[in-house]
Amino acid sequence: MTATQSEQEAIALARAQHFDLAVVGLRRQRSKGYDLVGVVSAKSPDAPIVASSAYPAQEVVRFAREHAQAFLKKTVLSC
């Protein structure tokens, strides 16, 4: 398993390595997460991509349906 702290680091890793699975966080506003999906798709075309977001706005869900194999909606729990 490989995890990164930044989107830039994730993109660099995706360009350098092959992955069997990618879990990518998407933000409401277009972010590097969208770019990461493209890099993973190009470098590891057989790798399933799971998109995740706490902001399931229409454009985020549409992007995930078009470019990922699954979408997970993050839920914020309040105490």
Protein backbone atom coordinates (compact mmCIF):
# COMPACT_ATOMS: atom_id res chain seq x y z
CA MET A 1 0.00 0.00 0.00
CA THR A 2 1.24 3.48 -0.87
CA ALA A 3 -0.21 6.69 0.52
CA THR A 4 0.80 10.29 0.04
CA GLN A 5 0.25 13.56 1.84
CA SER A 6 -0.17 15.70 -1.27
CA GLU A 7 -1.77 15.50 -4.66
CA GLN A 8 1.50 16.47 -6.35
CA GLU A 9 3.30 13.56 -4.68
CA ALA A 10 0.51 11.17 -5.70
CA ILE A 11 0.77 12.28 -9.34
CA ALA A 12 4.55 11.78 -9.30
CA LEU A 13 4.14 8.27 -7.87
CA ALA A 14 1.43 7.39 -10.39
CA ARG A 15 3.72 8.46 -13.23
CA ALA A 16 6.62 6.38 -11.87
CA GLN A 17 4.91 3.19 -10.73
CA HIS A 18 2.24 0.73 -11.80
CA PHE A 19 -0.67 0.31 -9.38
CA ASP A 20 -3.22 -2.48 -9.01
CA LEU A 21 -5.83 -0.19 -7.45
CA ALA A 22 -6.15 3.54 -6.84
CA VAL A 23 -8.34 5.34 -4.32
CA VAL A 24 -8.51 9.01 -5.25
CA GLY A 25 -10.09 11.85 -3.31
CA LEU A 26 -12.00 14.40 -5.36
CA ARG A 27 -12.88 17.87 -4.19
CA ARG A 28 -15.85 19.91 -5.28
CA GLN A 29 -13.68 22.33 -7.19
CA ARG A 30 -11.51 20.77 -9.86
CA SER A 31 -8.33 19.68 -8.12
CA LYS A 32 -5.28 17.60 -8.81
CA GLY A 33 -7.40 14.55 -7.89
CA TYR A 34 -9.00 14.83 -11.31
CA ASP A 35 -5.54 14.95 -12.91
CA LEU A 36 -4.44 11.95 -10.82
CA VAL A 37 -7.29 9.87 -12.23
CA GLY A 38 -5.99 10.59 -15.74
CA VAL A 39 -2.40 9.72 -14.84
CA VAL A 40 -3.41 6.44 -13.19
CA SER A 41 -5.61 5.54 -16.16
CA ALA A 42 -2.73 6.15 -18.58
CA LYS A 43 0.05 4.42 -16.59
CA SER A 44 -2.03 1.57 -15.08
CA PRO A 45 -4.97 1.09 -17.46
CA ASP A 46 -6.10 -2.15 -15.81
CA ALA A 47 -6.16 -0.65 -12.31
CA PRO A 48 -9.64 0.00 -10.94
CA ILE A 49 -10.09 3.54 -9.65
CA VAL A 50 -12.26 4.29 -6.64
CA ALA A 51 -13.18 7.96 -6.37
CA SER A 52 -14.13 9.37 -2.99
CA SER A 53 -15.49 12.73 -1.93
CA ALA A 54 -17.15 14.47 0.99
CA TYR A 55 -18.63 16.87 -1.57
CA PRO A 56 -20.91 14.76 -3.77
CA ALA A 57 -21.86 17.69 -5.99
CA GLN A 58 -23.25 16.85 -9.39
CA GLU A 59 -19.99 17.53 -11.25
CA VAL A 60 -17.99 15.35 -8.83
CA VAL A 61 -20.39 12.43 -9.11
CA ARG A 62 -20.54 12.77 -12.91
CA PHE A 63 -16.74 12.77 -13.18
CA ALA A 64 -16.51 9.69 -10.95
CA ARG A 65 -19.13 7.80 -12.96
CA GLU A 66 -17.33 8.60 -16.21
CA HIS A 67 -13.74 7.93 -15.07
CA ALA A 68 -13.80 5.60 -12.06
CA GLN A 69 -15.14 2.14 -11.40
CA ALA A 70 -16.68 3.10 -8.03
CA PHE A 71 -17.62 6.15 -6.00
CA LEU A 72 -17.56 6.37 -2.21
CA LYS A 73 -19.29 9.26 -0.49
CA LYS A 74 -17.42 10.32 2.64
CA THR A 75 -19.65 10.96 5.61
CA VAL A 76 -18.79 13.43 8.34
CA LEU A 77 -19.88 12.36 11.79
CA SER A 78 -20.54 15.01 14.37
CA CYS A 79 -20.44 14.40 18.09
